[in-house]
Amino acid sequence: MFSADELRRPSLSEITIMPLTIEILPYYLLVSGDGLGSLSEAQQHFRDLSALLVTERKAAKGVRLLIDLQRARPHSPEVAAHIERVLPMLYREGDRVAVLVQNTSIKVGTKTSHNPLYSDVFLSREAAEAYLSG
């Protein structure tokens, strides 16, 4: 049996927010985490990602990137505006970007900020990985 303390939900202040991390996997780059909590965090993340994309493009015609936002929290308006400004400059022709989200309503909203020429939004990792391999 569990005690009341073991069953209680953590308060928002007790939940650790993990910023987005970037991993180099054999067939694609993986960005995952809880989201970007501040404008400075967003700026640093996109500087790091941009530098990595430049390096990866030297080795291949385009990059393959899976952005797993299933655990991500909504961004502040300031962070969201920064993301909207950066995304069009980040990706190139020949890239393939799969964005993984929690549900259909988030999927619809996310699609509006991604160029369908090189990006799509998915609810399952299997579908996202299939898109990247195509």
N, C-alpha and C. Protein backbone atom coordinates (compact mmCIF):
# COMPACT_ATOMS: atom_id res chain seq x y z
N MET A 1 0.83 -1.18 0.00
CA MET A 1 0.00 0.00 0.00
C MET A 1 0.88 1.24 0.00
N PHE A 2 0.43 2.29 -0.69
CA PHE A 2 1.17 3.53 -0.77
C PHE A 2 0.67 4.53 0.26
N SER A 3 1.57 5.33 0.78
CA SER A 3 1.16 6.39 1.71
C SER A 3 0.59 7.56 0.92
N ALA A 4 -0.08 8.47 1.60
CA ALA A 4 -0.65 9.66 0.96
C ALA A 4 0.45 10.50 0.30
N ASP A 5 1.63 10.59 0.94
CA ASP A 5 2.74 11.35 0.35
C ASP A 5 3.23 10.73 -0.95
N GLU A 6 3.23 9.40 -1.02
CA GLU A 6 3.68 8.72 -2.22
C GLU A 6 2.68 8.88 -3.37
N LEU A 7 1.40 9.05 -3.05
CA LEU A 7 0.37 9.14 -4.07
C LEU A 7 0.10 10.56 -4.55
N ARG A 8 0.54 11.56 -3.79
CA ARG A 8 0.23 12.93 -4.17
C ARG A 8 0.98 13.32 -5.44
N ARG A 9 0.34 14.18 -6.22
CA ARG A 9 0.97 14.67 -7.44
C ARG A 9 1.95 15.76 -7.07
N PRO A 10 3.08 15.85 -7.76
CA PRO A 10 4.03 16.92 -7.46
C PRO A 10 3.46 18.27 -7.87
N SER A 11 3.83 19.31 -7.15
CA SER A 11 3.42 20.65 -7.54
C SER A 11 4.27 21.08 -8.72
N LEU A 12 3.82 22.09 -9.42
CA LEU A 12 4.55 22.57 -10.58
C LEU A 12 5.97 22.96 -10.22
N SER A 13 6.19 23.51 -9.03
CA SER A 13 7.54 23.92 -8.63
C SER A 13 8.45 22.72 -8.36
N GLU A 14 7.86 21.54 -8.16
CA GLU A 14 8.67 20.35 -7.90
C GLU A 14 9.05 19.61 -9.18
N ILE A 15 8.42 19.93 -10.29
CA ILE A 15 8.69 19.24 -11.53
C ILE A 15 9.92 19.86 -12.18
N THR A 16 10.88 19.03 -12.51
CA THR A 16 12.08 19.51 -13.15
C THR A 16 11.82 19.68 -14.64
N ILE A 17 12.06 20.86 -15.15
CA ILE A 17 11.91 21.14 -16.57
C ILE A 17 13.26 20.86 -17.22
N MET A 18 13.26 19.93 -18.15
CA MET A 18 14.48 19.61 -18.87
C MET A 18 14.45 20.34 -20.21
N PRO A 19 15.41 21.22 -20.45
CA PRO A 19 15.42 21.90 -21.74
C PRO A 19 15.63 20.89 -22.87
N LEU A 20 15.49 21.35 -24.06
CA LEU A 20 15.67 20.47 -25.20
C LEU A 20 17.12 20.02 -25.30
N THR A 21 17.30 18.75 -25.60
CA THR A 21 18.63 18.19 -25.81
C THR A 21 18.74 17.75 -27.26
N ILE A 22 19.95 17.69 -27.75
CA ILE A 22 20.22 17.26 -29.12
C ILE A 22 21.13 16.04 -29.06
N GLU A 23 20.71 14.95 -29.71
CA GLU A 23 21.51 13.73 -29.76
C GLU A 23 21.78 13.38 -31.21
N ILE A 24 22.98 12.89 -31.47
CA ILE A 24 23.32 12.41 -32.81
C ILE A 24 23.13 10.90 -32.81
N LEU A 25 22.11 10.44 -33.53
CA LEU A 25 21.82 9.02 -33.65
C LEU A 25 22.32 8.53 -35.01
N PRO A 26 22.36 7.22 -35.24
CA PRO A 26 22.92 6.72 -36.51
C PRO A 26 22.26 7.27 -37.78
N TYR A 27 20.94 7.44 -37.78
CA TYR A 27 20.27 7.84 -39.01
C TYR A 27 19.65 9.23 -38.98
N TYR A 28 19.64 9.85 -37.83
CA TYR A 28 19.08 11.19 -37.73
C TYR A 28 19.53 11.86 -36.43
N LEU A 29 19.28 13.16 -36.37
CA LEU A 29 19.50 13.92 -35.14
C LEU A 29 18.19 13.91 -34.36
N LEU A 30 18.27 13.79 -33.06
CA LEU A 30 17.08 13.78 -32.20
C LEU A 30 17.12 14.97 -31.26
N VAL A 31 16.06 15.78 -31.32
CA VAL A 31 15.88 16.87 -30.37
C VAL A 31 14.71 16.47 -29.48
N SER A 32 14.89 16.49 -28.17
CA SER A 32 13.81 16.09 -27.27
C SER A 32 13.94 16.82 -25.94
N GLY A 33 12.86 16.80 -25.17
CA GLY A 33 12.86 17.42 -23.85
C GLY A 33 11.53 18.05 -23.54
N ASP A 34 11.51 18.87 -22.50
CA ASP A 34 10.28 19.47 -22.02
C ASP A 34 9.96 20.81 -22.68
N GLY A 35 10.88 21.34 -23.44
CA GLY A 35 10.64 22.62 -24.09
C GLY A 35 11.67 23.65 -23.69
N LEU A 36 11.44 24.86 -24.13
CA LEU A 36 12.37 25.96 -23.88
C LEU A 36 11.70 26.94 -22.93
N GLY A 37 12.28 27.12 -21.75
CA GLY A 37 11.65 27.90 -20.70
C GLY A 37 11.84 29.40 -20.80
N SER A 38 12.89 29.83 -21.49
CA SER A 38 13.16 31.28 -21.55
C SER A 38 13.70 31.63 -22.93
N LEU A 39 13.67 32.92 -23.22
CA LEU A 39 14.20 33.38 -24.50
C LEU A 39 15.69 33.07 -24.62
N SER A 40 16.45 33.27 -23.56
CA SER A 40 17.89 32.98 -23.63
C SER A 40 18.15 31.50 -23.86
N GLU A 41 17.35 30.64 -23.25
CA GLU A 41 17.46 29.21 -23.47
C GLU A 41 17.15 28.87 -24.93
N ALA A 42 16.12 29.48 -25.48
CA ALA A 42 15.74 29.25 -26.88
C ALA A 42 16.85 29.72 -27.81
N GLN A 43 17.40 30.90 -27.55
CA GLN A 43 18.47 31.42 -28.40
C GLN A 43 19.68 30.49 -28.38
N GLN A 44 20.06 30.01 -27.20
CA GLN A 44 21.20 29.10 -27.10
C GLN A 44 20.91 27.78 -27.80
N HIS A 45 19.72 27.24 -27.61
CA HIS A 45 19.36 25.98 -28.27
C HIS A 45 19.48 26.10 -29.78
N PHE A 46 18.94 27.17 -30.35
CA PHE A 46 18.97 27.31 -31.81
C PHE A 46 20.37 27.64 -32.33
N ARG A 47 21.20 28.29 -31.53
CA ARG A 47 22.61 28.48 -31.93
C ARG A 47 23.30 27.12 -32.00
N ASP A 48 23.10 26.30 -30.97
CA ASP A 48 23.72 24.97 -30.94
C ASP A 48 23.21 24.11 -32.09
N LEU A 49 21.90 24.11 -32.30
CA LEU A 49 21.32 23.30 -33.37
C LEU A 49 21.81 23.78 -34.73
N SER A 50 21.85 25.06 -34.95
CA SER A 50 22.30 25.61 -36.23
C SER A 50 23.75 25.20 -36.53
N ALA A 51 24.61 25.28 -35.54
CA ALA A 51 26.01 24.89 -35.72
C ALA A 51 26.11 23.40 -36.06
N LEU A 52 25.32 22.58 -35.40
CA LEU A 52 25.33 21.15 -35.68
C LEU A 52 24.80 20.86 -37.08
N LEU A 53 23.76 21.57 -37.50
CA LEU A 53 23.21 21.36 -38.84
C LEU A 53 24.23 21.72 -39.92
N VAL A 54 24.99 22.78 -39.72
CA VAL A 54 26.04 23.16 -40.67
C VAL A 54 27.05 22.03 -40.79
N THR A 55 27.49 21.49 -39.67
CA THR A 55 28.45 20.39 -39.67
C THR A 55 27.88 19.16 -40.35
N GLU A 56 26.66 18.81 -40.03
CA GLU A 56 26.02 17.63 -40.61
C GLU A 56 25.82 17.78 -42.12
N ARG A 57 25.50 18.97 -42.58
CA ARG A 57 25.29 19.19 -44.03
C ARG A 57 26.59 19.04 -44.81
N LYS A 58 27.73 19.23 -44.19
CA LYS A 58 29.01 19.03 -44.87
C LYS A 58 29.22 17.56 -45.20
N ALA A 59 28.64 16.68 -44.39
CA ALA A 59 28.82 15.25 -44.58
C ALA A 59 27.70 14.62 -45.42
N ALA A 60 26.60 15.32 -45.59
CA ALA A 60 25.46 14.75 -46.32
C ALA A 60 24.74 15.84 -47.09
N LYS A 61 23.93 15.44 -48.05
CA LYS A 61 23.19 16.39 -48.87
C LYS A 61 22.17 17.17 -48.05
N GLY A 62 21.57 16.52 -47.08
CA GLY A 62 20.60 17.17 -46.20
C GLY A 62 20.63 16.48 -44.85
N VAL A 63 20.01 17.09 -43.88
CA VAL A 63 19.97 16.50 -42.54
C VAL A 63 18.62 15.83 -42.31
N ARG A 64 18.63 14.86 -41.44
CA ARG A 64 17.41 14.20 -40.97
C ARG A 64 17.30 14.53 -39.50
N LEU A 65 16.15 15.08 -39.10
CA LEU A 65 15.98 15.58 -37.74
C LEU A 65 14.62 15.16 -37.21
N LEU A 66 14.61 14.50 -36.07
CA LEU A 66 13.37 14.17 -35.37
C LEU A 66 13.29 15.06 -34.14
N ILE A 67 12.23 15.85 -34.08
CA ILE A 67 12.01 16.75 -32.95
C ILE A 67 10.87 16.15 -32.13
N ASP A 68 11.21 15.57 -30.99
CA ASP A 68 10.22 14.91 -30.13
C ASP A 68 9.73 15.91 -29.09
N LEU A 69 8.51 16.41 -29.31
CA LEU A 69 7.91 17.39 -28.41
C LEU A 69 6.76 16.80 -27.60
N GLN A 70 6.74 15.49 -27.46
CA GLN A 70 5.63 14.85 -26.75
C GLN A 70 5.57 15.26 -25.28
N ARG A 71 6.71 15.59 -24.68
CA ARG A 71 6.73 16.02 -23.28
C ARG A 71 6.77 17.54 -23.14
N ALA A 72 6.85 18.23 -24.25
CA ALA A 72 7.05 19.68 -24.22
C ALA A 72 5.84 20.40 -23.66
N ARG A 73 6.12 21.44 -22.92
CA ARG A 73 5.09 22.33 -22.39
C ARG A 73 4.92 23.49 -23.35
N PRO A 74 3.78 24.16 -23.31
CA PRO A 74 3.61 25.34 -24.17
C PRO A 74 4.68 26.39 -23.86
N HIS A 75 5.15 27.05 -24.91
CA HIS A 75 6.15 28.09 -24.73
C HIS A 75 5.49 29.42 -24.40
N SER A 76 6.25 30.29 -23.78
CA SER A 76 5.78 31.66 -23.54
C SER A 76 5.63 32.34 -24.90
N PRO A 77 4.83 33.40 -24.99
CA PRO A 77 4.70 34.12 -26.27
C PRO A 77 6.05 34.61 -26.81
N GLU A 78 6.94 35.04 -25.92
CA GLU A 78 8.26 35.53 -26.33
C GLU A 78 9.09 34.41 -26.98
N VAL A 79 9.08 33.22 -26.36
CA VAL A 79 9.81 32.07 -26.90
C VAL A 79 9.16 31.60 -28.21
N ALA A 80 7.84 31.54 -28.23
CA ALA A 80 7.13 31.11 -29.44
C ALA A 80 7.44 32.04 -30.61
N ALA A 81 7.48 33.33 -30.37
CA ALA A 81 7.80 34.30 -31.43
C ALA A 81 9.22 34.08 -31.95
N HIS A 82 10.14 33.81 -31.04
CA HIS A 82 11.53 33.54 -31.46
C HIS A 82 11.58 32.29 -32.33
N ILE A 83 10.90 31.25 -31.94
CA ILE A 83 10.88 30.01 -32.72
C ILE A 83 10.32 30.28 -34.11
N GLU A 84 9.25 31.03 -34.19
CA GLU A 84 8.64 31.36 -35.49
C GLU A 84 9.62 32.13 -36.38
N ARG A 85 10.45 32.99 -35.81
CA ARG A 85 11.44 33.74 -36.59
C ARG A 85 12.59 32.85 -37.06
N VAL A 86 12.99 31.90 -36.22
CA VAL A 86 14.18 31.10 -36.49
C VAL A 86 13.91 29.95 -37.47
N LEU A 87 12.78 29.28 -37.34
CA LEU A 87 12.53 28.08 -38.15
C LEU A 87 12.72 28.28 -39.65
N PRO A 88 12.20 29.34 -40.25
CA PRO A 88 12.38 29.48 -41.70
C PRO A 88 13.85 29.60 -42.13
N MET A 89 14.72 30.05 -41.24
CA MET A 89 16.13 30.22 -41.58
C MET A 89 16.96 28.98 -41.26
N LEU A 90 16.40 28.07 -40.49
CA LEU A 90 17.17 26.93 -39.97
C LEU A 90 17.32 25.79 -40.96
N TYR A 91 16.28 25.46 -41.66
CA TYR A 91 16.27 24.28 -42.52
C TYR A 91 16.45 24.66 -43.97
N ARG A 92 16.94 23.70 -44.76
CA ARG A 92 17.27 23.91 -46.17
C ARG A 92 16.60 22.85 -47.04
N GLU A 93 16.60 23.13 -48.34
CA GLU A 93 16.15 22.13 -49.30
C GLU A 93 17.03 20.89 -49.14
N GLY A 94 16.43 19.72 -49.14
CA GLY A 94 17.17 18.48 -48.93
C GLY A 94 17.11 17.99 -47.49
N ASP A 95 16.72 18.84 -46.55
CA ASP A 95 16.53 18.42 -45.16
C ASP A 95 15.19 17.71 -45.04
N ARG A 96 15.07 16.88 -44.02
CA ARG A 96 13.80 16.26 -43.66
C ARG A 96 13.64 16.38 -42.16
N VAL A 97 12.55 17.02 -41.74
CA VAL A 97 12.31 17.29 -40.33
C VAL A 97 10.97 16.68 -39.94
N ALA A 98 11.00 15.77 -38.98
CA ALA A 98 9.78 15.15 -38.45
C ALA A 98 9.57 15.66 -37.04
N VAL A 99 8.39 16.18 -36.78
CA VAL A 99 8.06 16.72 -35.45
C VAL A 99 7.04 15.78 -34.82
N LEU A 100 7.33 15.32 -33.63
CA LEU A 100 6.48 14.38 -32.91
C LEU A 100 5.80 15.12 -31.78
N VAL A 101 4.44 15.11 -31.76
CA VAL A 101 3.67 15.86 -30.76
C VAL A 101 2.70 14.94 -30.03
N GLN A 102 2.06 15.48 -28.98
CA GLN A 102 1.20 14.71 -28.08
C GLN A 102 -0.16 14.36 -28.64
N ASN A 103 -0.79 15.30 -29.36
CA ASN A 103 -2.19 15.06 -29.78
C ASN A 103 -2.51 15.83 -31.06
N THR A 104 -3.70 15.57 -31.58
CA THR A 104 -4.11 16.14 -32.86
C THR A 104 -4.22 17.66 -32.83
N SER A 105 -4.71 18.24 -31.74
CA SER A 105 -4.83 19.70 -31.71
C SER A 105 -3.46 20.36 -31.75
N ILE A 106 -2.49 19.81 -31.07
CA ILE A 106 -1.12 20.34 -31.12
C ILE A 106 -0.55 20.12 -32.52
N LYS A 107 -0.86 18.98 -33.11
CA LYS A 107 -0.37 18.69 -34.46
C LYS A 107 -0.83 19.76 -35.45
N VAL A 108 -2.11 20.11 -35.40
CA VAL A 108 -2.66 21.10 -36.31
C VAL A 108 -1.95 22.45 -36.12
N GLY A 109 -1.77 22.87 -34.89
CA GLY A 109 -1.09 24.14 -34.62
C GLY A 109 0.37 24.12 -35.02
N THR A 110 1.04 23.00 -34.82
CA THR A 110 2.46 22.89 -35.14
C THR A 110 2.70 22.91 -36.64
N LYS A 111 1.80 22.30 -37.40
CA LYS A 111 1.96 22.26 -38.86
C LYS A 111 2.05 23.65 -39.46
N THR A 112 1.41 24.63 -38.86
CA THR A 112 1.41 25.98 -39.43
C THR A 112 2.78 26.64 -39.38
N SER A 113 3.66 26.19 -38.49
CA SER A 113 4.98 26.81 -38.38
C SER A 113 6.08 26.02 -39.09
N HIS A 114 5.71 24.95 -39.78
CA HIS A 114 6.71 24.13 -40.47
C HIS A 114 6.42 24.07 -41.96
N ASN A 115 7.46 24.21 -42.76
CA ASN A 115 7.33 24.19 -44.21
C ASN A 115 7.10 22.75 -44.69
N PRO A 116 5.99 22.50 -45.39
CA PRO A 116 5.68 21.13 -45.84
C PRO A 116 6.66 20.61 -46.89
N LEU A 117 7.51 21.46 -47.44
CA LEU A 117 8.50 20.98 -48.42
C LEU A 117 9.56 20.10 -47.77
N TYR A 118 9.83 20.30 -46.49
CA TYR A 118 10.86 19.52 -45.82
C TYR A 118 10.46 19.04 -44.42
N SER A 119 9.20 19.26 -44.04
CA SER A 119 8.81 18.96 -42.66
C SER A 119 7.39 18.44 -42.59
N ASP A 120 7.15 17.58 -41.59
CA ASP A 120 5.79 17.14 -41.31
C ASP A 120 5.68 16.85 -39.81
N VAL A 121 4.44 16.75 -39.34
CA VAL A 121 4.17 16.58 -37.91
C VAL A 121 3.45 15.25 -37.70
N PHE A 122 3.82 14.52 -36.65
CA PHE A 122 3.33 13.16 -36.42
C PHE A 122 2.91 12.93 -34.98
N LEU A 123 2.06 11.93 -34.80
CA LEU A 123 1.63 11.51 -33.46
C LEU A 123 2.35 10.25 -32.99
N SER A 124 3.01 9.54 -33.90
CA SER A 124 3.74 8.33 -33.50
C SER A 124 5.18 8.39 -33.98
N ARG A 125 6.06 7.84 -33.18
CA ARG A 125 7.49 7.82 -33.52
C ARG A 125 7.73 6.98 -34.76
N GLU A 126 6.98 5.90 -34.91
CA GLU A 126 7.15 5.02 -36.07
C GLU A 126 6.87 5.79 -37.37
N ALA A 127 5.79 6.56 -37.38
CA ALA A 127 5.44 7.35 -38.58
C ALA A 127 6.50 8.42 -38.83
N ALA A 128 6.99 9.05 -37.79
CA ALA A 128 8.03 10.08 -37.94
C ALA A 128 9.30 9.48 -38.50
N GLU A 129 9.71 8.32 -37.99
CA GLU A 129 10.92 7.67 -38.49
C GLU A 129 10.75 7.20 -39.93
N ALA A 130 9.54 6.73 -40.28
CA ALA A 130 9.27 6.32 -41.67
C ALA A 130 9.40 7.53 -42.60
N TYR A 131 8.91 8.67 -42.19
CA TYR A 131 9.03 9.89 -42.98
C TYR A 131 10.50 10.26 -43.17
N LEU A 132 11.30 10.15 -42.13
CA LEU A 132 12.71 10.50 -42.23
C LEU A 132 13.47 9.56 -43.17
N SER A 133 13.05 8.31 -43.25
CA SER A 133 13.77 7.35 -44.10
C SER A 133 13.32 7.43 -45.55
N GLY A 134 12.22 8.15 -45.82
CA GLY A 134 11.68 8.24 -47.19
C GLY A 134 12.40 9.19 -48.07
